[in-house]
Structure formats: C-alpha cells, structure tokens
Amino acid sequence: MTIADNKKAFHDYFIEDRYEAGLMLEGWEVKAIRDNKVQIKEAYVTIKGDELFLFGAHISALPTASTHIHPDAVRTRKLLLHRHELDKLIGKATRSGYTLVPLNLHYKGGRVKCEIGLAKGKKQHDKRATEKDRDASRGGLGNETEPPLTPSANRCRVSSLGRHAATPGPAMRRAFCCLRIST
C-alpha cells in the first residue's frame, strides 16, 4: 500500500532502475506516517561515506507526540540496503552521472519502505516531449495544430487585419502565401 508518491521525480528524471530500501525511523515518525503526515516531493538521497541517507523528507509530528521528545520534521534518515546494492548504487551515482531520488514510501510486511530510483536528469525539451506524448495518449487538447484554412477564410483574415506592415508577421505571411497559390 502506497503512503506517499514523488510525482515530481518522474517529471524531472528518466528512471533507469528501482531499489527498495528500509528506513531507520523513530517511533513518533512511524505513527505520523501511519496517519499520512509525510511528504517526499522535495526529498533526495545523499551519499555519506558508504551509506545512503534520505534528506528533505518532511514528516510532521502528531500533536499527541510525547512531551519529552522534540521532533525534527526534516531530519536526515538512514536508508537500509544490502552491501552489494549499496556498492552498485554508489558506484553508478558517482561515476556514471546518475542521481538517486526517492520515488515512493510504502508498507511491506508491516514496515515502512522507501523505493529509490537510479535516475538521469531530463532536459527541458525532454520534459516537453514527455508532456506532449502524455497529452496525445489521453486524447487531450494540448499542442494541437490548427486545421488548414480555405482560401476564402484566408482572404477574410487578411482583410480583417486592416493593416499592411513593411515586414508582415507569420500569420500575415501564411495568408499571403495561400492567396498567391489560390489565385
């Protein structure tokens, strides 16, 4: 069962591989996560020595938390993985230009797990292409070209502009081109 998703990670990165890691949590954090008081949108994974840490995950403390504990909502939390997984991830993240991002938090066997992704960053044009493909697959109205105009409609558009500039704009050039072809 999913607790929290990081949708921004799929927008900003190409996810190459996924790993499931355990989290070292305190008792109040587990209670807050069960109450859905967690957000990993701005979280990321850092490498310190031979270990991975989840940094920037926000877990809000419940108002019923114990009075002798002073909870820190955005503290750094250690990720638990097998040594061969850690070595593989650290090697790819440092040498190959990959980055590690948290994808979601979920329960497995009564324990909270964090799915982390080995990812490469998207460029701006990649983000636009992904969004365009998503809109096309949904049948949305995004980035569609306008239907071709008939010559009579082009004449009306030219006459409705009411001005003739020395350097016509793209709409004007398109209208003149269609008029020349149709006459």
N, C-alpha and C. Protein backbone atom coordinates (compact mmCIF):
# COMPACT_ATOMS: atom_id res chain seq x y z
N MET A 1 0.84 -1.18 0.00
CA MET A 1 0.00 0.00 0.00
C MET A 1 0.89 1.24 0.00
N THR A 2 0.64 2.14 -0.92
CA THR A 2 1.45 3.34 -1.06
C THR A 2 1.06 4.39 -0.02
N ILE A 3 2.08 4.98 0.57
CA ILE A 3 1.86 6.04 1.56
C ILE A 3 1.98 7.41 0.91
N ALA A 4 3.10 7.62 0.20
CA ALA A 4 3.35 8.90 -0.46
C ALA A 4 4.11 8.66 -1.76
N ASP A 5 3.75 9.38 -2.81
CA ASP A 5 4.42 9.29 -4.11
C ASP A 5 5.17 10.58 -4.40
N ASN A 6 6.25 10.44 -5.15
CA ASN A 6 7.02 11.60 -5.60
C ASN A 6 6.80 11.75 -7.10
N LYS A 7 5.71 12.40 -7.50
CA LYS A 7 5.37 12.55 -8.92
C LYS A 7 6.35 13.47 -9.64
N LYS A 8 6.93 14.38 -8.90
CA LYS A 8 7.88 15.32 -9.49
C LYS A 8 9.12 14.60 -10.01
N ALA A 9 9.49 13.48 -9.38
CA ALA A 9 10.66 12.73 -9.81
C ALA A 9 10.48 12.19 -11.22
N PHE A 10 9.27 11.74 -11.55
CA PHE A 10 9.01 11.22 -12.89
C PHE A 10 8.97 12.33 -13.93
N HIS A 11 8.67 13.54 -13.50
CA HIS A 11 8.67 14.69 -14.41
C HIS A 11 10.09 15.18 -14.67
N ASP A 12 10.94 15.14 -13.66
CA ASP A 12 12.28 15.71 -13.77
C ASP A 12 13.36 14.72 -14.19
N TYR A 13 13.11 13.41 -14.09
CA TYR A 13 14.15 12.41 -14.34
C TYR A 13 13.64 11.26 -15.20
N PHE A 14 14.59 10.62 -15.90
CA PHE A 14 14.36 9.31 -16.52
C PHE A 14 14.76 8.28 -15.47
N ILE A 15 13.84 7.44 -15.05
CA ILE A 15 14.13 6.44 -14.02
C ILE A 15 14.67 5.20 -14.72
N GLU A 16 15.93 4.86 -14.45
CA GLU A 16 16.58 3.71 -15.08
C GLU A 16 16.33 2.42 -14.29
N ASP A 17 16.46 2.48 -12.98
CA ASP A 17 16.35 1.28 -12.15
C ASP A 17 15.74 1.65 -10.81
N ARG A 18 15.10 0.67 -10.17
CA ARG A 18 14.44 0.92 -8.88
C ARG A 18 14.96 -0.05 -7.83
N TYR A 19 15.08 0.46 -6.61
CA TYR A 19 15.51 -0.35 -5.47
C TYR A 19 14.59 -0.07 -4.29
N GLU A 20 14.40 -1.07 -3.46
CA GLU A 20 13.59 -0.92 -2.26
C GLU A 20 14.52 -0.89 -1.06
N ALA A 21 14.38 0.14 -0.24
CA ALA A 21 15.25 0.32 0.92
C ALA A 21 14.40 0.47 2.18
N GLY A 22 14.92 -0.02 3.27
CA GLY A 22 14.28 0.20 4.56
C GLY A 22 14.67 1.58 5.08
N LEU A 23 13.94 2.05 6.07
CA LEU A 23 14.21 3.36 6.67
C LEU A 23 14.44 3.20 8.17
N MET A 24 15.39 3.93 8.69
CA MET A 24 15.57 3.98 10.15
C MET A 24 14.70 5.12 10.67
N LEU A 25 13.62 4.76 11.34
CA LEU A 25 12.67 5.75 11.84
C LEU A 25 12.56 5.67 13.35
N GLU A 26 12.12 6.76 13.93
CA GLU A 26 11.79 6.79 15.36
C GLU A 26 10.31 6.47 15.51
N GLY A 27 9.89 6.20 16.72
CA GLY A 27 8.50 5.80 16.97
C GLY A 27 7.48 6.84 16.56
N TRP A 28 7.74 8.11 16.87
CA TRP A 28 6.78 9.16 16.51
C TRP A 28 6.66 9.30 15.00
N GLU A 29 7.76 9.00 14.26
CA GLU A 29 7.72 9.10 12.81
C GLU A 29 6.83 8.01 12.20
N VAL A 30 6.90 6.81 12.76
CA VAL A 30 6.07 5.72 12.27
C VAL A 30 4.59 6.04 12.50
N LYS A 31 4.28 6.58 13.66
CA LYS A 31 2.89 6.96 13.94
C LYS A 31 2.41 8.05 12.99
N ALA A 32 3.27 9.03 12.71
CA ALA A 32 2.89 10.12 11.81
C ALA A 32 2.72 9.60 10.38
N ILE A 33 3.55 8.67 9.97
CA ILE A 33 3.43 8.09 8.62
C ILE A 33 2.13 7.30 8.51
N ARG A 34 1.77 6.57 9.55
CA ARG A 34 0.50 5.83 9.52
C ARG A 34 -0.69 6.77 9.44
N ASP A 35 -0.51 8.00 9.94
CA ASP A 35 -1.57 9.00 9.87
C ASP A 35 -1.45 9.87 8.60
N ASN A 36 -0.57 9.46 7.68
CA ASN A 36 -0.39 10.13 6.39
C ASN A 36 0.14 11.56 6.52
N LYS A 37 1.03 11.81 7.44
CA LYS A 37 1.60 13.14 7.66
C LYS A 37 3.02 13.20 7.09
N VAL A 38 3.17 12.71 5.85
CA VAL A 38 4.50 12.65 5.23
C VAL A 38 4.44 13.23 3.82
N GLN A 39 5.57 13.82 3.39
CA GLN A 39 5.67 14.42 2.07
C GLN A 39 7.11 14.25 1.59
N ILE A 40 7.30 13.64 0.40
CA ILE A 40 8.65 13.40 -0.12
C ILE A 40 8.89 14.13 -1.44
N LYS A 41 8.11 15.13 -1.73
CA LYS A 41 8.19 15.84 -3.01
C LYS A 41 9.56 16.51 -3.20
N GLU A 42 10.10 17.08 -2.17
CA GLU A 42 11.38 17.80 -2.26
C GLU A 42 12.53 17.01 -1.67
N ALA A 43 12.33 15.72 -1.43
CA ALA A 43 13.36 14.89 -0.82
C ALA A 43 14.35 14.39 -1.87
N TYR A 44 15.54 14.06 -1.42
CA TYR A 44 16.54 13.46 -2.29
C TYR A 44 17.43 12.55 -1.46
N VAL A 45 18.22 11.72 -2.14
CA VAL A 45 19.08 10.75 -1.48
C VAL A 45 20.52 11.25 -1.58
N THR A 46 21.23 11.27 -0.45
CA THR A 46 22.63 11.69 -0.43
C THR A 46 23.51 10.52 -0.07
N ILE A 47 24.76 10.61 -0.46
CA ILE A 47 25.76 9.59 -0.15
C ILE A 47 26.73 10.18 0.86
N LYS A 48 26.89 9.52 2.00
CA LYS A 48 27.87 9.92 3.00
C LYS A 48 28.69 8.70 3.36
N GLY A 49 29.93 8.68 2.93
CA GLY A 49 30.78 7.52 3.17
C GLY A 49 30.28 6.33 2.37
N ASP A 50 29.97 5.23 3.07
CA ASP A 50 29.46 4.02 2.42
C ASP A 50 27.97 3.84 2.64
N GLU A 51 27.26 4.90 2.97
CA GLU A 51 25.84 4.77 3.31
C GLU A 51 25.01 5.78 2.53
N LEU A 52 23.72 5.48 2.43
CA LEU A 52 22.76 6.36 1.77
C LEU A 52 21.82 6.95 2.82
N PHE A 53 21.48 8.22 2.64
CA PHE A 53 20.59 8.90 3.56
C PHE A 53 19.48 9.61 2.79
N LEU A 54 18.28 9.59 3.35
CA LEU A 54 17.14 10.31 2.79
C LEU A 54 17.13 11.70 3.42
N PHE A 55 17.26 12.71 2.58
CA PHE A 55 17.35 14.08 3.07
C PHE A 55 16.19 14.88 2.54
N GLY A 56 15.55 15.67 3.39
CA GLY A 56 14.49 16.58 2.96
C GLY A 56 13.09 16.00 3.00
N ALA A 57 12.92 14.75 3.45
CA ALA A 57 11.58 14.19 3.58
C ALA A 57 10.92 14.82 4.80
N HIS A 58 9.73 15.32 4.64
CA HIS A 58 9.04 16.04 5.72
C HIS A 58 8.01 15.13 6.37
N ILE A 59 8.24 14.80 7.63
CA ILE A 59 7.29 14.01 8.41
C ILE A 59 6.82 14.88 9.56
N SER A 60 5.57 15.30 9.50
CA SER A 60 5.02 16.19 10.52
C SER A 60 4.68 15.39 11.76
N ALA A 61 5.06 15.92 12.90
CA ALA A 61 4.77 15.24 14.17
C ALA A 61 3.29 15.39 14.51
N LEU A 62 2.75 14.35 15.13
CA LEU A 62 1.37 14.41 15.59
C LEU A 62 1.29 15.28 16.84
N PRO A 63 0.15 15.93 17.06
CA PRO A 63 0.03 16.75 18.28
C PRO A 63 0.03 15.90 19.54
N THR A 64 -0.23 14.61 19.41
CA THR A 64 -0.26 13.73 20.58
C THR A 64 1.10 13.10 20.86
N ALA A 65 2.17 13.60 20.20
CA ALA A 65 3.51 13.06 20.43
C ALA A 65 3.92 13.31 21.88
N SER A 66 4.82 12.50 22.34
CA SER A 66 5.25 12.58 23.73
C SER A 66 5.87 13.95 24.04
N THR A 67 5.74 14.37 25.28
CA THR A 67 6.21 15.70 25.67
C THR A 67 7.72 15.75 25.86
N HIS A 68 8.36 14.61 26.08
CA HIS A 68 9.80 14.62 26.31
C HIS A 68 10.61 14.49 25.02
N ILE A 69 9.93 14.38 23.87
CA ILE A 69 10.60 14.30 22.58
C ILE A 69 10.40 15.62 21.84
N HIS A 70 11.47 16.12 21.23
CA HIS A 70 11.39 17.32 20.40
C HIS A 70 11.60 16.89 18.95
N PRO A 71 10.51 16.61 18.23
CA PRO A 71 10.65 16.06 16.88
C PRO A 71 11.19 17.06 15.87
N ASP A 72 12.05 16.56 15.00
CA ASP A 72 12.58 17.34 13.88
C ASP A 72 11.94 16.80 12.60
N ALA A 73 11.12 17.60 11.95
CA ALA A 73 10.31 17.13 10.83
C ALA A 73 11.14 16.77 9.60
N VAL A 74 12.26 17.43 9.37
CA VAL A 74 13.03 17.18 8.15
C VAL A 74 14.42 16.61 8.45
N ARG A 75 14.55 15.83 9.48
CA ARG A 75 15.86 15.27 9.81
C ARG A 75 16.31 14.28 8.74
N THR A 76 17.60 14.01 8.70
CA THR A 76 18.17 13.06 7.75
C THR A 76 17.94 11.65 8.27
N ARG A 77 17.41 10.77 7.41
CA ARG A 77 17.10 9.40 7.80
C ARG A 77 17.95 8.42 7.00
N LYS A 78 18.48 7.42 7.67
CA LYS A 78 19.35 6.44 7.03
C LYS A 78 18.53 5.44 6.24
N LEU A 79 19.01 5.10 5.03
CA LEU A 79 18.38 4.07 4.20
C LEU A 79 19.13 2.75 4.39
N LEU A 80 18.37 1.68 4.50
CA LEU A 80 18.95 0.36 4.77
C LEU A 80 18.87 -0.50 3.51
N LEU A 81 20.03 -0.88 3.00
CA LEU A 81 20.14 -1.74 1.82
C LEU A 81 21.24 -2.77 2.07
N HIS A 82 21.25 -3.82 1.24
CA HIS A 82 22.34 -4.79 1.31
C HIS A 82 23.61 -4.15 0.79
N ARG A 83 24.78 -4.65 1.24
CA ARG A 83 26.07 -4.06 0.89
C ARG A 83 26.28 -4.07 -0.63
N HIS A 84 25.94 -5.16 -1.33
CA HIS A 84 26.16 -5.20 -2.78
C HIS A 84 25.26 -4.20 -3.50
N GLU A 85 24.06 -3.94 -2.98
CA GLU A 85 23.19 -2.92 -3.57
C GLU A 85 23.76 -1.52 -3.33
N LEU A 86 24.26 -1.30 -2.11
CA LEU A 86 24.87 0.00 -1.80
C LEU A 86 26.07 0.27 -2.69
N ASP A 87 26.94 -0.72 -2.86
CA ASP A 87 28.13 -0.53 -3.68
C ASP A 87 27.76 -0.23 -5.13
N LYS A 88 26.77 -0.93 -5.65
CA LYS A 88 26.32 -0.71 -7.03
C LYS A 88 25.75 0.69 -7.20
N LEU A 89 24.88 1.11 -6.28
CA LEU A 89 24.26 2.44 -6.37
C LEU A 89 25.27 3.56 -6.21
N ILE A 90 26.16 3.42 -5.24
CA ILE A 90 27.16 4.46 -5.00
C ILE A 90 28.09 4.57 -6.20
N GLY A 91 28.48 3.42 -6.78
CA GLY A 91 29.35 3.44 -7.95
C GLY A 91 28.71 4.13 -9.14
N LYS A 92 27.46 3.81 -9.42
CA LYS A 92 26.78 4.44 -10.56
C LYS A 92 26.52 5.92 -10.31
N ALA A 93 26.16 6.27 -9.09
CA ALA A 93 25.85 7.67 -8.78
C ALA A 93 27.09 8.55 -8.86
N THR A 94 28.25 8.02 -8.50
CA THR A 94 29.46 8.85 -8.50
C THR A 94 30.15 8.85 -9.86
N ARG A 95 30.19 7.70 -10.56
CA ARG A 95 30.94 7.61 -11.81
C ARG A 95 30.11 7.92 -13.04
N SER A 96 28.93 7.40 -13.12
CA SER A 96 28.16 7.43 -14.37
C SER A 96 27.26 8.65 -14.52
N GLY A 97 27.22 9.53 -13.57
CA GLY A 97 26.38 10.72 -13.70
C GLY A 97 24.92 10.50 -13.35
N TYR A 98 24.62 9.42 -12.67
CA TYR A 98 23.26 9.17 -12.23
C TYR A 98 23.01 9.89 -10.92
N THR A 99 21.75 10.04 -10.59
CA THR A 99 21.37 10.58 -9.30
C THR A 99 20.36 9.63 -8.65
N LEU A 100 20.22 9.71 -7.36
CA LEU A 100 19.30 8.84 -6.62
C LEU A 100 18.15 9.68 -6.10
N VAL A 101 16.92 9.28 -6.43
CA VAL A 101 15.74 10.03 -6.00
C VAL A 101 14.75 9.08 -5.32
N PRO A 102 14.08 9.54 -4.26
CA PRO A 102 13.02 8.72 -3.66
C PRO A 102 11.78 8.77 -4.54
N LEU A 103 11.20 7.60 -4.83
CA LEU A 103 10.03 7.54 -5.69
C LEU A 103 8.74 7.42 -4.88
N ASN A 104 8.75 6.59 -3.85
CA ASN A 104 7.56 6.49 -3.00
C ASN A 104 7.88 5.85 -1.67
N LEU A 105 6.97 6.00 -0.74
CA LEU A 105 7.01 5.31 0.54
C LEU A 105 5.84 4.34 0.56
N HIS A 106 6.07 3.13 1.04
CA HIS A 106 5.00 2.14 1.08
C HIS A 106 5.25 1.17 2.23
N TYR A 107 4.21 0.39 2.54
CA TYR A 107 4.31 -0.64 3.57
C TYR A 107 4.65 -1.97 2.92
N LYS A 108 5.47 -2.76 3.61
CA LYS A 108 5.75 -4.12 3.18
C LYS A 108 5.99 -4.94 4.44
N GLY A 109 5.07 -5.84 4.70
CA GLY A 109 5.19 -6.67 5.89
C GLY A 109 5.10 -5.86 7.18
N GLY A 110 4.31 -4.81 7.18
CA GLY A 110 4.14 -4.00 8.38
C GLY A 110 5.25 -2.99 8.59
N ARG A 111 6.22 -2.92 7.70
CA ARG A 111 7.33 -1.98 7.84
C ARG A 111 7.26 -0.93 6.72
N VAL A 112 7.81 0.25 7.00
CA VAL A 112 7.81 1.32 6.01
C VAL A 112 9.06 1.16 5.14
N LYS A 113 8.85 1.12 3.83
CA LYS A 113 9.95 1.01 2.87
C LYS A 113 9.94 2.23 1.96
N CYS A 114 11.12 2.56 1.44
CA CYS A 114 11.28 3.67 0.51
C CYS A 114 11.80 3.10 -0.80
N GLU A 115 11.09 3.39 -1.88
CA GLU A 115 11.55 2.96 -3.19
C GLU A 115 12.39 4.10 -3.77
N ILE A 116 13.66 3.79 -4.07
CA ILE A 116 14.53 4.82 -4.63
C ILE A 116 14.84 4.44 -6.07
N GLY A 117 15.03 5.46 -6.89
CA GLY A 117 15.29 5.24 -8.30
C GLY A 117 16.65 5.76 -8.71
N LEU A 118 17.31 4.99 -9.56
CA LEU A 118 18.55 5.42 -10.18
C LEU A 118 18.14 6.18 -11.43
N ALA A 119 18.43 7.47 -11.47
CA ALA A 119 17.82 8.33 -12.49
C ALA A 119 18.83 9.24 -13.16
N LYS A 120 18.49 9.62 -14.38
CA LYS A 120 19.24 10.65 -15.12
C LYS A 120 18.32 11.85 -15.32
N GLY A 121 18.85 13.04 -15.22
CA GLY A 121 18.04 14.25 -15.34
C GLY A 121 17.53 14.47 -16.75
N LYS A 122 16.32 15.03 -16.85
CA LYS A 122 15.74 15.38 -18.14
C LYS A 122 16.10 16.81 -18.48
N LYS A 123 16.29 17.06 -19.76
CA LYS A 123 16.44 18.42 -20.25
C LYS A 123 15.05 19.00 -20.46
N GLN A 124 14.97 20.30 -20.70
CA GLN A 124 13.68 20.96 -20.85
C GLN A 124 12.91 20.41 -22.05
N HIS A 125 13.61 20.15 -23.16
CA HIS A 125 12.91 19.63 -24.34
C HIS A 125 12.41 18.21 -24.11
N ASP A 126 13.10 17.43 -23.27
CA ASP A 126 12.62 16.09 -22.93
C ASP A 126 11.34 16.16 -22.12
N LYS A 127 11.27 17.13 -21.21
CA LYS A 127 10.07 17.30 -20.40
C LYS A 127 8.88 17.68 -21.27
N ARG A 128 9.13 18.57 -22.25
CA ARG A 128 8.05 18.97 -23.15
C ARG A 128 7.58 17.80 -24.01
N ALA A 129 8.51 17.00 -24.49
CA ALA A 129 8.15 15.85 -25.33
C ALA A 129 7.35 14.83 -24.53
N THR A 130 7.74 14.59 -23.29
CA THR A 130 7.01 13.66 -22.43
C THR A 130 5.60 14.15 -22.18
N GLU A 131 5.47 15.44 -21.92
CA GLU A 131 4.14 16.02 -21.68
C GLU A 131 3.27 15.96 -22.93
N LYS A 132 3.88 16.20 -24.08
CA LYS A 132 3.15 16.15 -25.34
C LYS A 132 2.66 14.72 -25.62
N ASP A 133 3.52 13.73 -25.39
CA ASP A 133 3.13 12.33 -25.59
C ASP A 133 2.01 11.93 -24.64
N ARG A 134 2.10 12.39 -23.40
CA ARG A 134 1.08 12.06 -22.41
C ARG A 134 -0.27 12.66 -22.81
N ASP A 135 -0.25 13.91 -23.28
CA ASP A 135 -1.50 14.54 -23.73
C ASP A 135 -2.08 13.83 -24.95
N ALA A 136 -1.22 13.42 -25.86
CA ALA A 136 -1.69 12.73 -27.06
C ALA A 136 -2.30 11.37 -26.71
N SER A 137 -1.70 10.66 -25.77
CA SER A 137 -2.24 9.35 -25.40
C SER A 137 -3.56 9.49 -24.65
N ARG A 138 -3.75 10.59 -23.96
CA ARG A 138 -5.01 10.84 -23.25
C ARG A 138 -6.09 11.38 -24.15
N GLY A 139 -5.72 11.87 -25.31
CA GLY A 139 -6.69 12.50 -26.20
C GLY A 139 -6.98 13.92 -25.79
N GLY A 140 -6.01 14.56 -25.15
CA GLY A 140 -6.21 15.92 -24.65
C GLY A 140 -6.13 16.95 -25.74
N LEU A 141 -6.23 18.19 -25.36
CA LEU A 141 -6.25 19.28 -26.31
C LEU A 141 -4.93 20.02 -26.38
N GLY A 142 -3.87 19.48 -25.81
CA GLY A 142 -2.62 20.22 -25.76
C GLY A 142 -1.81 20.14 -27.03
N ASN A 143 -1.22 21.26 -27.43
CA ASN A 143 -0.28 21.39 -28.54
C ASN A 143 -0.80 20.83 -29.86
N GLU A 144 -2.02 21.07 -30.20
CA GLU A 144 -2.55 20.62 -31.48
C GLU A 144 -2.41 21.73 -32.51
N THR A 145 -2.22 21.35 -33.75
CA THR A 145 -2.12 22.36 -34.80
C THR A 145 -3.52 22.73 -35.25
N GLU A 146 -3.67 23.96 -35.72
CA GLU A 146 -4.98 24.40 -36.16
C GLU A 146 -5.26 23.82 -37.54
N PRO A 147 -6.51 23.57 -37.87
CA PRO A 147 -6.84 22.98 -39.18
C PRO A 147 -6.53 23.96 -40.30
N PRO A 148 -6.22 23.43 -41.50
CA PRO A 148 -5.90 24.33 -42.61
C PRO A 148 -7.11 25.15 -43.00
N LEU A 149 -6.85 26.38 -43.38
CA LEU A 149 -7.93 27.30 -43.74
C LEU A 149 -8.20 27.25 -45.24
N THR A 150 -9.42 27.49 -45.60
CA THR A 150 -9.78 27.58 -47.03
C THR A 150 -9.33 28.93 -47.55
N PRO A 151 -9.14 29.06 -48.87
CA PRO A 151 -8.68 30.36 -49.40
C PRO A 151 -9.61 31.51 -49.06
N SER A 152 -10.92 31.26 -49.03
CA SER A 152 -11.84 32.36 -48.71
C SER A 152 -11.66 32.80 -47.26
N ALA A 153 -11.39 31.86 -46.38
CA ALA A 153 -11.15 32.22 -44.98
C ALA A 153 -9.87 33.02 -44.85
N ASN A 154 -8.84 32.68 -45.67
CA ASN A 154 -7.59 33.44 -45.64
C ASN A 154 -7.81 34.87 -46.10
N ARG A 155 -8.64 35.07 -47.15
CA ARG A 155 -8.92 36.43 -47.62
C ARG A 155 -9.60 37.25 -46.54
N CYS A 156 -10.53 36.60 -45.84
CA CYS A 156 -11.23 37.32 -44.76
C CYS A 156 -10.24 37.71 -43.67
N ARG A 157 -9.33 36.80 -43.35
CA ARG A 157 -8.37 37.10 -42.29
C ARG A 157 -7.48 38.27 -42.71
N VAL A 158 -7.04 38.29 -43.96
CA VAL A 158 -6.18 39.38 -44.43
C VAL A 158 -6.95 40.69 -44.40
N SER A 159 -8.17 40.68 -44.89
CA SER A 159 -8.93 41.92 -44.93
C SER A 159 -9.32 42.38 -43.52
N SER A 160 -9.47 41.46 -42.59
CA SER A 160 -9.86 41.87 -41.23
C SER A 160 -8.70 42.46 -40.47
N LEU A 161 -7.45 42.21 -40.93
CA LEU A 161 -6.31 42.78 -40.22
C LEU A 161 -6.27 44.30 -40.40
N GLY A 162 -6.62 44.75 -41.59
CA GLY A 162 -6.75 46.18 -41.82
C GLY A 162 -5.46 46.95 -41.85
N ARG A 163 -4.31 46.28 -41.87
CA ARG A 163 -3.05 47.00 -41.93
C ARG A 163 -2.09 46.20 -42.80
N HIS A 164 -1.18 46.90 -43.42
CA HIS A 164 -0.16 46.26 -44.24
C HIS A 164 1.18 46.79 -43.76
N ALA A 165 1.87 45.98 -42.98
CA ALA A 165 3.16 46.39 -42.45
C ALA A 165 4.25 46.09 -43.47
N ALA A 166 5.39 46.76 -43.31
CA ALA A 166 6.52 46.52 -44.22
C ALA A 166 7.06 45.10 -44.04
N THR A 167 7.07 44.63 -42.81
CA THR A 167 7.50 43.26 -42.54
C THR A 167 6.34 42.53 -41.89
N PRO A 168 5.58 41.78 -42.67
CA PRO A 168 4.41 41.11 -42.11
C PRO A 168 4.80 39.98 -41.16
N GLY A 169 3.94 39.72 -40.20
CA GLY A 169 4.17 38.65 -39.24
C GLY A 169 3.89 37.29 -39.84
N PRO A 170 4.07 36.20 -39.06
CA PRO A 170 3.89 34.86 -39.59
C PRO A 170 2.46 34.59 -40.06
N ALA A 171 1.46 35.11 -39.36
CA ALA A 171 0.07 34.89 -39.77
C ALA A 171 -0.19 35.59 -41.10
N MET A 172 0.37 36.77 -41.25
CA MET A 172 0.17 37.53 -42.47
C MET A 172 0.88 36.85 -43.64
N ARG A 173 2.12 36.35 -43.42
CA ARG A 173 2.85 35.67 -44.47
C ARG A 173 2.10 34.42 -44.92
N ARG A 174 1.55 33.67 -43.97
CA ARG A 174 0.81 32.46 -44.29
C ARG A 174 -0.42 32.81 -45.13
N ALA A 175 -1.10 33.89 -44.79
CA ALA A 175 -2.29 34.30 -45.53
C ALA A 175 -1.92 34.74 -46.95
N PHE A 176 -0.82 35.52 -47.12
CA PHE A 176 -0.40 35.95 -48.45
C PHE A 176 0.04 34.76 -49.29
N CYS A 177 0.73 33.80 -48.67
CA CYS A 177 1.19 32.62 -49.40
C CYS A 177 -0.02 31.84 -49.94
N CYS A 178 -1.03 31.67 -49.11
CA CYS A 178 -2.23 30.94 -49.54
C CYS A 178 -2.98 31.69 -50.62
N LEU A 179 -2.99 33.03 -50.54
CA LEU A 179 -3.68 33.81 -51.53
C LEU A 179 -2.99 33.69 -52.89
N ARG A 180 -1.65 33.71 -52.88
CA ARG A 180 -0.91 33.61 -54.14
C ARG A 180 -1.13 32.26 -54.78
N ILE A 181 -1.19 31.21 -54.00
CA ILE A 181 -1.36 29.87 -54.53
C ILE A 181 -2.78 29.71 -55.08
N SER A 182 -3.78 30.26 -54.39
CA SER A 182 -5.17 30.03 -54.78
C SER A 182 -5.59 30.88 -55.98
N THR A 183 -4.90 31.96 -56.29
CA THR A 183 -5.32 32.81 -57.42
C THR A 183 -4.66 32.45 -58.71
